[in-house]
Amino acid sequence: MKIWYSFIAFVLLFTIVSCNSKGEKKEESLKKEKKVVVPELKLSIDSTAISSFYETYPKLKNFQGEVNSLYLKKNSTQLWLDNKGVVEFGNTLYNKYKGLENEGLKANFPYKEINAVFENNTDNKLSKVNTDLMITNLYFYYAEKVYRGFDEKTSRSLEWLLPRKKLNYQVFSDSIFQKSTINDDKKSKMFSQYYKLRDVLKQYREIEKKGGWKTIEIDDTYKNLKLGDSSAVISQIRERLFVTQDIKEDNKSAVCDSTLIKALKNYELHHGFTPKNIILKEHIEDLNIPVSDRIKTIIVNMERCRWIDPALEKGKQYLEVNIPEFKLYLIRDGKIAFTSPVVVGRAMTKTVIFSGTMSNIVFSPYWNVPPSIINKEIKPGMAKNKNYLKQKNLEWNNGAVRQLPGINNSLGLVKFLFPNSSNIYLHDTPSKSLFERESRAFSHGCVRVAKPRELAIELLQEDPKWTPARIDKAMHAGKESWYTLKNKFPVYIGYFTAWVDREGQLNVYKDIYQRDESLLKLLTEE
């Protein structure tokens, strides 16, 4: 009997479970049948809505034209929102904005409402239309800050007269639909030096987070240290060089060995010093510059890179002069074909930051003395000495003064012309000893070249008639002669106090014209 009751119970249980299962399946089927299809979000964002947005948020008004064009392309519908909220690409944009510090910039979008859109949707008081418009303005704000930098009016006020890169908003607008603008993996939107400095900025920020480097302590009696010397200062220098990986191992030794000397000479080479076999006080003072100051220098030069058109470095051949580095480079097919030390203008007669096109080489040139020098130097000299002009190899020429060709001519034996309103050019000089100085800001504004003969040979490579022997003869002819280059050479005179070379090493130079501070002030005020 017990077995019979057990069997009945089992059958009832099976029936109940089976019924429940069928019921659940039926319920699920009904749910599927009753599933509500939510229509695709479609907001109307026309010129009226856009105008209203900028009346409320006037600090963004400079983007209005581009924003209008962008929404017209999208048939006046939203760009960043769907039924679930902000699309993934919008969140990517916001994350890039919040990481502007990685670009050496501050995340200072003028309206805090943007944070509520992404960080806490419950606090977002913007309408959906204004939310979409706010994100679009964030997009253009980010593009302008990172890819353009300060406008041309600002850079010209800082005496930067190199041609500016034009920010193509059309390209950026089209890229929104491709969801690709915020990524720069190809690193093609910017002057390549920008990306190199950005990588170094990341390294130095990591050093800063770890506490930077310690100050090397020396007293007023310090003179120098050399190979074999023993001092507590040596172990401090070793530790300092290890932080920036200028030396690969810190063995804590207080003895100045060949490894330390080699490492320090490499440091000097990349920080505007002539490498020496002794450790001078000035070297230690440079090593003691805080990491925070180095970061500021990197950031300032990243901003300058934003102004450079990346097409510049794609030129087949060109000349570049970096004023604080006191160096000229001839670039051919993307490689350094020639380099020379240069002398640039002193602080009172700065070499101008600009570009030109070299068209002529003048051998055995006259020097046409500028009126300012005639008034300040020549006329007073003539008043004291009636033979002044003859002794200086000068002559009157149609109411002006010029110096005759020759080895004592202030322009040396050759000059290189690229017409410009500032009357700046490259030239030889009889004052060869100046090239032995570490700091070489001595000219009236023109650029004196340490190796002018070699530069002429490089520039005339494409004309087989101009052999080195013929160039030598023309330089020493004592009679001025002009040669017009068959292929014009672009010339770029820039100002970079931080530069990453082709070996990936950071080079830092003294701010000889005190230009960094004014630019840094603008960057930190933003």
Protein backbone atom coordinates (compact mmCIF):
# COMPACT_ATOMS: atom_id res chain seq x y z
CA MET A 1 0.00 0.00 0.00
CA LYS A 2 2.86 2.33 0.86
CA ILE A 3 4.37 1.67 -2.54
CA TRP A 4 1.07 2.53 -4.21
CA TYR A 5 0.75 5.86 -2.36
CA SER A 6 4.34 6.70 -3.28
CA PHE A 7 3.66 6.06 -6.93
CA ILE A 8 0.55 8.31 -6.89
CA ALA A 9 2.59 11.09 -5.22
CA PHE A 10 5.30 10.80 -7.88
CA VAL A 11 2.75 11.02 -10.70
CA LEU A 12 1.12 14.11 -9.15
CA LEU A 13 4.52 15.80 -8.71
CA PHE A 14 5.50 15.08 -12.30
CA THR A 15 2.17 16.44 -13.52
CA ILE A 16 2.58 19.67 -11.52
CA VAL A 17 6.16 20.20 -12.72
CA SER A 18 5.19 19.44 -16.29
CA CYS A 19 2.27 21.86 -16.12
CA ASN A 20 4.46 24.57 -14.59
CA SER A 21 7.07 24.08 -17.31
CA LYS A 22 4.45 24.32 -20.02
CA GLY A 23 3.00 27.37 -18.31
CA GLU A 24 6.37 29.11 -18.17
CA LYS A 25 7.03 28.39 -21.83
CA LYS A 26 3.59 29.72 -22.69
CA GLU A 27 4.23 32.84 -20.62
CA GLU A 28 7.60 33.40 -22.35
CA SER A 29 5.91 32.97 -25.70
CA LEU A 30 3.30 35.57 -24.77
CA LYS A 31 6.05 37.96 -23.64
CA LYS A 32 7.80 37.61 -26.97
CA GLU A 33 4.55 38.29 -28.74
CA LYS A 34 3.99 41.37 -26.58
CA LYS A 35 7.63 42.66 -26.91
CA VAL A 36 7.61 46.44 -27.47
CA VAL A 37 9.81 47.71 -30.32
CA VAL A 38 11.32 51.07 -29.25
CA PRO A 39 11.68 53.41 -32.21
CA GLU A 40 15.18 54.69 -33.03
CA LEU A 41 16.03 57.94 -31.27
CA LYS A 42 15.83 60.82 -33.71
CA LEU A 43 16.31 64.34 -32.37
CA SER A 44 15.76 67.44 -34.47
CA ILE A 45 18.79 69.69 -34.15
CA ASP A 46 18.40 72.50 -36.65
CA SER A 47 19.90 75.99 -36.89
CA THR A 48 17.27 77.38 -34.51
CA ALA A 49 18.20 74.86 -31.81
CA ILE A 50 21.88 75.56 -32.41
CA SER A 51 21.42 79.34 -32.16
CA SER A 52 19.50 78.91 -28.93
CA PHE A 53 22.31 76.73 -27.54
CA TYR A 54 24.94 79.43 -28.18
CA GLU A 55 22.78 82.11 -26.58
CA THR A 56 22.93 80.00 -23.42
CA TYR A 57 26.59 78.99 -23.82
CA PRO A 58 28.28 81.97 -25.54
CA LYS A 59 31.86 80.91 -24.63
CA LEU A 60 31.60 78.22 -27.30
CA LYS A 61 30.27 80.49 -30.03
CA ASN A 62 33.45 80.36 -32.13
CA PHE A 63 32.49 76.78 -33.04
CA GLN A 64 28.98 77.71 -34.25
CA GLY A 65 29.77 77.77 -37.97
CA GLU A 66 31.42 74.36 -37.92
CA VAL A 67 28.67 72.90 -35.74
CA ASN A 68 25.96 74.17 -38.10
CA SER A 69 27.70 72.57 -41.07
CA LEU A 70 28.18 69.31 -39.21
CA TYR A 71 24.51 68.88 -38.28
CA LEU A 72 23.40 69.77 -41.79
CA LYS A 73 25.46 66.81 -43.03
CA LYS A 74 23.67 64.62 -40.49
CA ASN A 75 20.26 65.86 -41.71
CA SER A 76 19.83 67.86 -38.49
CA THR A 77 19.77 64.80 -36.24
CA GLN A 78 21.87 63.89 -33.20
CA LEU A 79 25.47 62.67 -33.40
CA TRP A 80 26.22 61.26 -29.97
CA LEU A 81 23.04 59.82 -28.49
CA ASP A 82 20.88 56.75 -28.96
CA ASN A 83 18.13 55.10 -26.88
CA LYS A 84 20.68 53.86 -24.34
CA GLY A 85 22.35 57.24 -23.83
CA VAL A 86 25.75 58.48 -25.05
CA VAL A 87 27.28 56.22 -27.71
CA GLU A 88 30.65 54.58 -27.08
CA PHE A 89 32.55 57.05 -29.26
CA GLY A 90 31.23 59.90 -27.13
CA ASN A 91 32.62 58.26 -24.00
CA THR A 92 35.96 57.77 -25.79
CA LEU A 93 36.00 61.50 -26.56
CA TYR A 94 35.30 62.41 -22.93
CA ASN A 95 38.05 60.11 -21.67
CA LYS A 96 40.51 61.72 -24.09
CA TYR A 97 39.39 65.15 -22.86
CA LYS A 98 39.92 64.16 -19.23
CA GLY A 99 43.39 62.94 -20.21
CA LEU A 100 44.47 66.24 -21.75
CA GLU A 101 47.29 66.35 -19.21
CA ASN A 102 48.95 63.67 -21.36
CA GLU A 103 49.04 66.26 -24.16
CA GLY A 104 50.59 68.85 -21.87
CA LEU A 105 47.28 70.72 -21.57
CA LYS A 106 44.66 71.48 -18.93
CA ALA A 107 41.11 70.08 -19.20
CA ASN A 108 39.32 73.42 -18.94
CA PHE A 109 36.17 73.08 -21.02
CA PRO A 110 34.29 76.31 -20.22
CA TYR A 111 31.06 74.65 -19.01
CA LYS A 112 30.98 72.11 -16.16
CA GLU A 113 27.70 70.67 -17.46
CA ILE A 114 29.78 68.42 -19.69
CA ASN A 115 30.94 66.44 -16.64
CA ALA A 116 27.38 65.61 -15.56
CA VAL A 117 26.66 64.20 -19.02
CA PHE A 118 29.26 61.48 -18.53
CA GLU A 119 29.99 61.13 -14.83
CA ASN A 120 26.49 61.03 -13.36
CA ASN A 121 23.56 60.97 -15.74
CA THR A 122 21.08 61.75 -12.93
CA ASP A 123 22.72 65.17 -12.52
CA ASN A 124 22.51 66.00 -16.21
CA LYS A 125 19.96 68.81 -16.43
CA LEU A 126 20.53 69.39 -20.15
CA SER A 127 17.87 68.48 -22.65
CA LYS A 128 18.80 65.70 -25.06
CA VAL A 129 19.28 68.24 -27.84
CA ASN A 130 21.61 70.39 -25.74
CA THR A 131 23.40 67.29 -24.48
CA ASP A 132 24.24 66.32 -28.04
CA LEU A 133 25.30 69.86 -28.87
CA MET A 134 27.46 70.08 -25.74
CA ILE A 135 29.34 66.90 -26.74
CA THR A 136 29.82 68.22 -30.27
CA ASN A 137 31.34 71.39 -28.86
CA LEU A 138 33.59 69.29 -26.62
CA TYR A 139 34.74 67.51 -29.78
CA PHE A 140 35.75 70.75 -31.51
CA TYR A 141 37.25 72.10 -28.29
CA TYR A 142 39.47 69.00 -28.02
CA ALA A 143 40.48 69.14 -31.70
CA GLU A 144 41.40 72.81 -31.44
CA LYS A 145 43.38 72.47 -28.23
CA VAL A 146 45.35 69.39 -29.24
CA TYR A 147 45.73 69.73 -33.00
CA ARG A 148 45.87 73.49 -33.52
CA GLY A 149 46.98 75.12 -30.28
CA PHE A 150 46.84 78.89 -29.90
CA ASP A 151 45.56 80.81 -32.88
CA GLU A 152 47.85 82.56 -35.34
CA LYS A 153 47.25 85.98 -33.81
CA THR A 154 48.62 84.69 -30.48
CA SER A 155 51.63 82.93 -32.00
CA ARG A 156 52.52 86.04 -34.03
CA SER A 157 52.34 88.11 -30.84
CA LEU A 158 55.02 85.72 -29.55
CA GLU A 159 57.11 86.60 -32.65
CA TRP A 160 56.57 83.21 -34.27
CA LEU A 161 56.47 83.97 -38.00
CA LEU A 162 56.88 80.46 -39.40
CA PRO A 163 53.86 79.49 -41.57
CA ARG A 164 51.10 78.03 -39.42
CA LYS A 165 49.39 74.69 -39.91
CA LYS A 166 45.79 75.07 -41.05
CA LEU A 167 43.37 72.97 -39.01
CA ASN A 168 41.00 71.32 -41.47
CA TYR A 169 37.69 71.11 -39.63
CA GLN A 170 36.17 69.43 -42.69
CA VAL A 171 38.43 66.41 -42.09
CA PHE A 172 37.52 66.34 -38.42
CA SER A 173 33.81 66.64 -39.20
CA ASP A 174 33.93 63.73 -41.65
CA SER A 175 35.85 61.66 -39.12
CA ILE A 176 33.06 61.86 -36.56
CA PHE A 177 30.97 59.56 -38.73
CA GLN A 178 33.92 57.16 -39.02
CA LYS A 179 34.47 57.21 -35.23
CA SER A 180 38.22 57.58 -35.75
CA THR A 181 39.36 61.15 -35.12
CA ILE A 182 40.30 60.80 -31.46
CA ASN A 183 42.78 58.01 -32.12
CA ASP A 184 46.19 59.08 -33.42
CA ASP A 185 47.91 55.71 -33.74
CA LYS A 186 49.16 56.60 -37.21
CA LYS A 187 50.70 59.77 -35.76
CA SER A 188 50.21 61.69 -38.97
CA LYS A 189 48.08 64.62 -37.88
CA MET A 190 50.95 66.44 -36.20
CA PHE A 191 54.56 67.44 -36.70
CA SER A 192 56.41 64.24 -35.72
CA GLN A 193 58.41 66.00 -32.99
CA TYR A 194 55.14 66.50 -31.09
CA TYR A 195 54.68 62.77 -30.53
CA LYS A 196 58.30 62.33 -29.48
CA LEU A 197 58.00 65.08 -26.89
CA ARG A 198 54.71 63.62 -25.70
CA ASP A 199 56.43 60.30 -25.02
CA VAL A 200 59.17 62.07 -23.07
CA LEU A 201 56.54 64.04 -21.12
CA LYS A 202 55.05 60.74 -20.00
CA GLN A 203 58.47 59.52 -18.83
CA TYR A 204 59.20 62.72 -16.89
CA ARG A 205 55.74 62.73 -15.31
CA GLU A 206 56.47 59.21 -14.03
CA ILE A 207 59.75 60.46 -12.58
CA GLU A 208 57.88 63.34 -10.94
CA LYS A 209 55.33 60.95 -9.38
CA LYS A 210 58.20 59.00 -7.81
CA GLY A 211 59.58 62.16 -6.22
CA GLY A 212 61.82 63.48 -9.00
CA TRP A 213 65.56 63.62 -8.33
CA LYS A 214 67.48 64.80 -5.32
CA THR A 215 69.48 68.03 -5.32
CA ILE A 216 73.23 67.44 -5.63
CA GLU A 217 74.75 69.30 -2.70
CA ILE A 218 77.95 71.29 -3.19
CA ASP A 219 79.41 74.25 -1.28
CA ASP A 220 80.87 77.54 -2.49
CA THR A 221 84.39 76.12 -2.52
CA TYR A 222 83.53 73.54 -5.21
CA LYS A 223 85.69 73.90 -8.33
CA ASN A 224 85.59 70.66 -10.30
CA LEU A 225 85.95 66.90 -10.21
CA LYS A 226 87.83 64.69 -12.63
CA LEU A 227 88.59 61.04 -13.36
CA GLY A 228 89.89 59.26 -10.25
CA ASP A 229 88.62 61.84 -7.73
CA SER A 230 86.65 60.61 -4.75
CA SER A 231 83.78 62.62 -3.25
CA ALA A 232 80.28 62.23 -1.85
CA VAL A 233 79.22 64.51 -4.72
CA ILE A 234 80.17 61.76 -7.19
CA SER A 235 77.68 59.28 -5.73
CA GLN A 236 74.99 62.00 -5.85
CA ILE A 237 75.74 62.70 -9.53
CA ARG A 238 75.63 58.98 -10.26
CA GLU A 239 72.23 58.67 -8.59
CA ARG A 240 70.91 61.70 -10.48
CA LEU A 241 72.03 60.37 -13.86
CA PHE A 242 70.50 56.99 -13.09
CA VAL A 243 67.04 58.53 -12.53
CA THR A 244 66.93 59.75 -16.14
CA GLN A 245 68.76 56.66 -17.42
CA ASP A 246 71.76 58.71 -18.55
CA ILE A 247 73.72 56.02 -16.73
CA LYS A 248 72.44 52.45 -16.75
CA GLU A 249 73.55 51.38 -13.28
CA ASP A 250 73.91 53.14 -9.94
CA ASN A 251 76.66 51.25 -8.13
CA LYS A 252 76.73 53.90 -5.35
CA SER A 253 80.46 54.45 -5.91
CA ALA A 254 81.91 57.78 -4.74
CA VAL A 255 84.86 57.43 -7.12
CA CYS A 256 84.76 59.25 -10.45
CA ASP A 257 85.31 56.46 -12.97
CA SER A 258 85.29 56.39 -16.78
CA THR A 259 81.66 55.19 -16.85
CA LEU A 260 80.52 58.29 -14.97
CA ILE A 261 82.62 60.65 -17.09
CA LYS A 262 81.22 59.10 -20.29
CA ALA A 263 77.65 59.38 -19.02
CA LEU A 264 78.10 62.99 -17.96
CA LYS A 265 79.69 63.94 -21.30
CA ASN A 266 76.66 62.45 -23.03
CA TYR A 267 74.42 64.52 -20.73
CA GLU A 268 76.40 67.67 -21.56
CA LEU A 269 76.14 66.98 -25.28
CA HIS A 270 72.33 66.91 -25.02
CA HIS A 271 72.01 69.93 -22.71
CA GLY A 272 73.86 72.62 -24.62
CA PHE A 273 77.36 72.08 -23.19
CA THR A 274 80.60 71.24 -24.90
CA PRO A 275 81.48 67.78 -23.47
CA LYS A 276 84.44 67.92 -21.10
CA ASN A 277 86.46 65.46 -19.03
CA ILE A 278 85.86 67.40 -15.83
CA ILE A 279 82.69 68.04 -13.84
CA LEU A 280 82.19 71.78 -13.43
CA LYS A 281 79.86 73.66 -11.12
CA GLU A 282 77.71 74.73 -14.07
CA HIS A 283 77.13 71.06 -14.95
CA ILE A 284 75.87 70.33 -11.44
CA GLU A 285 73.64 73.40 -11.50
CA ASP A 286 72.06 72.08 -14.70
CA LEU A 287 71.60 68.61 -13.20
CA ASN A 288 69.84 70.26 -10.25
CA ILE A 289 67.12 71.85 -12.40
CA PRO A 290 63.92 70.23 -10.98
CA VAL A 291 61.94 67.72 -13.01
CA SER A 292 58.93 70.07 -12.76
CA ASP A 293 60.88 72.72 -14.71
CA ARG A 294 61.91 70.19 -17.34
CA ILE A 295 58.25 69.23 -17.73
CA LYS A 296 57.31 72.87 -18.30
CA THR A 297 59.96 73.13 -21.02
CA ILE A 298 58.60 70.01 -22.74
CA ILE A 299 55.02 71.31 -22.59
CA VAL A 300 55.97 74.68 -24.08
CA ASN A 301 57.71 73.03 -27.01
CA MET A 302 54.79 70.66 -27.60
CA GLU A 303 52.66 73.76 -28.11
CA ARG A 304 55.14 75.10 -30.66
CA CYS A 305 54.94 71.76 -32.47
CA ARG A 306 51.16 72.22 -32.80
CA TRP A 307 51.82 75.21 -35.00
CA ILE A 308 54.06 73.35 -37.47
CA ASP A 309 52.53 71.86 -40.60
CA PRO A 310 53.54 68.16 -40.73
CA ALA A 311 53.91 68.57 -44.51
CA LEU A 312 57.06 70.62 -43.81
CA GLU A 313 59.16 67.59 -42.91
CA LYS A 314 57.99 65.71 -45.99
CA GLY A 315 59.91 68.09 -48.25
CA LYS A 316 62.61 66.48 -50.36
CA GLN A 317 65.28 68.84 -49.03
CA TYR A 318 65.36 71.88 -46.78
CA LEU A 319 67.48 73.78 -44.27
CA GLU A 320 66.51 74.25 -40.65
CA VAL A 321 68.11 76.36 -37.94
CA ASN A 322 67.21 75.90 -34.27
CA ILE A 323 68.15 79.18 -32.61
CA PRO A 324 68.66 77.97 -28.98
CA GLU A 325 70.68 74.99 -30.22
CA PHE A 326 73.01 77.22 -32.28
CA LYS A 327 72.92 74.67 -35.06
CA LEU A 328 71.97 74.36 -38.74
CA TYR A 329 70.81 71.18 -40.44
CA LEU A 330 70.39 70.29 -44.10
CA ILE A 331 67.73 67.60 -44.41
CA ARG A 332 67.61 65.52 -47.56
CA ASP A 333 65.09 62.70 -48.08
CA GLY A 334 64.23 62.78 -44.40
CA LYS A 335 67.83 62.31 -43.24
CA ILE A 336 70.43 64.73 -41.91
CA ALA A 337 72.80 65.31 -44.84
CA PHE A 338 74.83 68.11 -43.26
CA THR A 339 75.09 70.03 -40.00
CA SER A 340 77.02 73.06 -38.84
CA PRO A 341 77.33 75.17 -35.67
CA VAL A 342 75.95 78.68 -36.10
CA VAL A 343 76.03 82.06 -34.37
CA VAL A 344 72.64 83.76 -33.97
CA GLY A 345 71.43 87.21 -32.94
CA ARG A 346 72.05 88.53 -29.47
CA ALA A 347 69.12 89.31 -27.16
CA MET A 348 68.90 92.93 -28.37
CA THR A 349 69.00 91.91 -32.05
CA LYS A 350 67.17 88.61 -32.04
CA THR A 351 67.22 86.28 -35.03
CA VAL A 352 63.67 86.19 -36.38
CA ILE A 353 61.60 82.98 -36.25
CA PHE A 354 60.41 82.65 -39.85
CA SER A 355 60.84 80.80 -43.14
CA GLY A 356 62.08 81.70 -46.59
CA THR A 357 63.26 80.18 -49.85
CA MET A 358 66.97 80.24 -50.60
CA SER A 359 67.50 81.35 -54.17
CA ASN A 360 71.05 82.75 -54.40
CA ILE A 361 74.59 82.14 -53.20
CA VAL A 362 76.86 85.19 -53.29
CA PHE A 363 80.62 84.57 -53.39
CA SER A 364 83.11 87.22 -52.20
CA PRO A 365 80.23 89.43 -51.11
CA TYR A 366 80.13 93.09 -50.29
CA TRP A 367 78.64 93.87 -46.91
CA ASN A 368 76.09 96.67 -47.11
CA VAL A 369 76.29 98.22 -43.67
CA PRO A 370 72.87 98.77 -42.02
CA PRO A 371 71.98 102.41 -41.22
CA SER A 372 71.86 101.61 -37.50
CA ILE A 373 75.51 100.49 -37.53
CA ILE A 374 76.51 103.50 -39.65
CA ASN A 375 75.00 105.85 -37.09
CA LYS A 376 76.16 104.02 -33.96
CA GLU A 377 79.62 102.85 -35.00
CA ILE A 378 80.91 104.16 -38.32
CA LYS A 379 80.11 107.87 -38.06
CA PRO A 380 81.58 108.14 -34.53
CA GLY A 381 84.63 106.22 -35.80
CA MET A 382 85.06 108.59 -38.74
CA ALA A 383 84.79 111.56 -36.41
CA LYS A 384 87.76 110.26 -34.42
CA ASN A 385 89.83 108.90 -37.32
CA LYS A 386 89.85 110.30 -40.86
CA ASN A 387 91.28 107.00 -42.16
CA TYR A 388 88.58 104.92 -40.43
CA LEU A 389 86.85 103.79 -43.66
CA LYS A 390 90.09 102.70 -45.36
CA GLN A 391 91.34 100.84 -42.28
CA LYS A 392 88.04 98.95 -42.02
CA ASN A 393 88.03 98.20 -45.77
CA LEU A 394 84.87 100.30 -46.19
CA GLU A 395 83.71 102.62 -48.98
CA TRP A 396 80.87 105.01 -49.69
CA ASN A 397 78.39 103.64 -52.20
CA ASN A 398 75.55 105.88 -53.42
CA GLY A 399 75.10 107.53 -50.05
CA ALA A 400 75.51 104.29 -48.10
CA VAL A 401 78.49 102.40 -46.76
CA ARG A 402 79.68 98.98 -47.83
CA GLN A 403 82.61 96.76 -46.92
CA LEU A 404 84.76 95.45 -49.76
CA PRO A 405 85.06 91.69 -50.41
CA GLY A 406 87.89 89.81 -48.70
CA ILE A 407 88.83 87.61 -45.77
CA ASN A 408 88.12 90.42 -43.29
CA ASN A 409 84.67 91.15 -44.66
CA SER A 410 82.04 90.83 -41.91
CA LEU A 411 80.12 88.37 -44.09
CA GLY A 412 83.23 86.30 -44.73
CA LEU A 413 83.70 84.77 -48.17
CA VAL A 414 80.13 83.69 -48.99
CA LYS A 415 76.53 84.42 -48.10
CA PHE A 416 73.29 82.55 -48.75
CA LEU A 417 70.20 84.58 -49.58
CA PHE A 418 66.52 83.83 -49.03
CA PRO A 419 64.62 87.13 -49.59
CA ASN A 420 62.66 88.34 -46.56
CA SER A 421 61.46 91.58 -45.01
CA SER A 422 63.77 91.18 -41.99
CA ASN A 423 66.88 91.09 -44.21
CA ILE A 424 68.07 87.89 -42.51
CA TYR A 425 70.46 85.54 -44.30
CA LEU A 426 73.16 82.93 -43.69
CA HIS A 427 76.79 83.88 -44.10
CA ASP A 428 80.44 83.15 -43.37
CA THR A 429 82.35 85.20 -40.79
CA PRO A 430 85.98 86.08 -40.06
CA SER A 431 85.27 85.69 -36.31
CA LYS A 432 85.82 81.93 -36.21
CA SER A 433 86.63 81.82 -32.49
CA LEU A 434 82.98 82.49 -31.59
CA PHE A 435 82.06 78.98 -32.74
CA GLU A 436 84.12 77.57 -29.87
CA ARG A 437 81.72 79.13 -27.33
CA GLU A 438 78.88 77.11 -25.83
CA SER A 439 76.49 80.06 -26.05
CA ARG A 440 76.67 81.72 -29.47
CA ALA A 441 74.28 84.69 -29.54
CA PHE A 442 76.49 87.47 -30.89
CA SER A 443 75.20 88.61 -34.29
CA HIS A 444 73.02 91.53 -35.33
CA GLY A 445 70.31 89.06 -36.35
CA CYS A 446 71.74 87.13 -39.30
CA VAL A 447 72.96 83.56 -38.93
CA ARG A 448 76.72 83.00 -39.16
CA VAL A 449 77.70 79.52 -40.37
CA ALA A 450 80.82 77.73 -39.06
CA LYS A 451 81.17 75.59 -42.20
CA PRO A 452 80.11 77.84 -45.10
CA ARG A 453 82.33 76.21 -47.73
CA GLU A 454 80.90 72.77 -46.93
CA LEU A 455 77.37 74.19 -47.02
CA ALA A 456 77.99 75.68 -50.47
CA ILE A 457 79.28 72.31 -51.71
CA GLU A 458 76.12 70.60 -50.39
CA LEU A 459 73.79 73.16 -51.96
CA LEU A 460 75.54 72.97 -55.34
CA GLN A 461 75.57 69.18 -55.56
CA GLU A 462 73.00 69.25 -58.33
CA ASP A 463 75.18 71.43 -60.56
CA PRO A 464 78.26 69.39 -61.62
CA LYS A 465 79.95 72.53 -62.98
CA TRP A 466 80.36 73.80 -59.44
CA THR A 467 83.15 71.62 -58.14
CA PRO A 468 84.76 72.26 -54.72
CA ALA A 469 87.73 73.79 -56.55
CA ARG A 470 85.50 76.25 -58.40
CA ILE A 471 83.69 77.13 -55.16
CA ASP A 472 87.05 77.83 -53.47
CA LYS A 473 88.11 80.07 -56.36
CA ALA A 474 84.86 82.06 -56.25
CA MET A 475 85.09 82.49 -52.48
CA HIS A 476 88.61 83.94 -52.73
CA ALA A 477 88.16 85.93 -55.95
CA GLY A 478 87.95 89.29 -54.18
CA LYS A 479 85.15 90.17 -56.59
CA GLU A 480 81.48 89.65 -55.85
CA SER A 481 79.65 87.05 -57.98
CA TRP A 482 76.13 85.67 -57.74
CA TYR A 483 74.84 82.16 -58.42
CA THR A 484 71.13 81.36 -58.76
CA LEU A 485 70.24 77.93 -57.42
CA LYS A 486 68.58 75.61 -59.92
CA ASN A 487 66.41 74.15 -57.17
CA LYS A 488 65.32 76.53 -54.44
CA PHE A 489 65.87 75.46 -50.82
CA PRO A 490 63.20 76.08 -48.19
CA VAL A 491 64.76 77.56 -45.04
CA TYR A 492 63.07 77.29 -41.63
CA ILE A 493 64.40 79.20 -38.64
CA GLY A 494 62.73 77.93 -35.48
CA TYR A 495 62.96 78.20 -31.72
CA PHE A 496 62.84 74.95 -29.71
CA THR A 497 64.31 74.66 -26.24
CA ALA A 498 63.44 70.96 -26.07
CA TRP A 499 63.93 68.53 -28.95
CA VAL A 500 64.04 64.74 -29.25
CA ASP A 501 66.76 63.69 -31.68
CA ARG A 502 66.77 60.79 -34.11
CA GLU A 503 68.31 58.54 -31.45
CA GLY A 504 65.34 59.21 -29.18
CA GLN A 505 67.27 61.35 -26.68
CA LEU A 506 65.82 64.50 -25.20
CA ASN A 507 67.89 67.61 -25.88
CA VAL A 508 67.32 70.70 -23.73
CA TYR A 509 68.74 74.14 -24.54
CA LYS A 510 68.88 77.44 -22.68
CA ASP A 511 66.04 79.85 -23.41
CA ILE A 512 68.36 82.55 -24.75
CA TYR A 513 65.56 84.95 -25.76
CA GLN A 514 63.38 84.25 -22.69
CA ARG A 515 60.47 83.09 -24.85
CA ASP A 516 59.36 80.04 -22.84
CA GLU A 517 57.98 81.88 -19.83
CA SER A 518 55.45 84.01 -21.76
CA LEU A 519 54.14 80.96 -23.64
CA LEU A 520 53.96 78.88 -20.47
CA LYS A 521 51.95 81.63 -18.80
CA LEU A 522 49.38 81.50 -21.59
CA LEU A 523 49.17 77.71 -21.36
CA THR A 524 48.67 77.66 -17.59
CA GLU A 525 46.13 80.49 -17.63
CA GLU A 526 43.84 78.66 -20.06
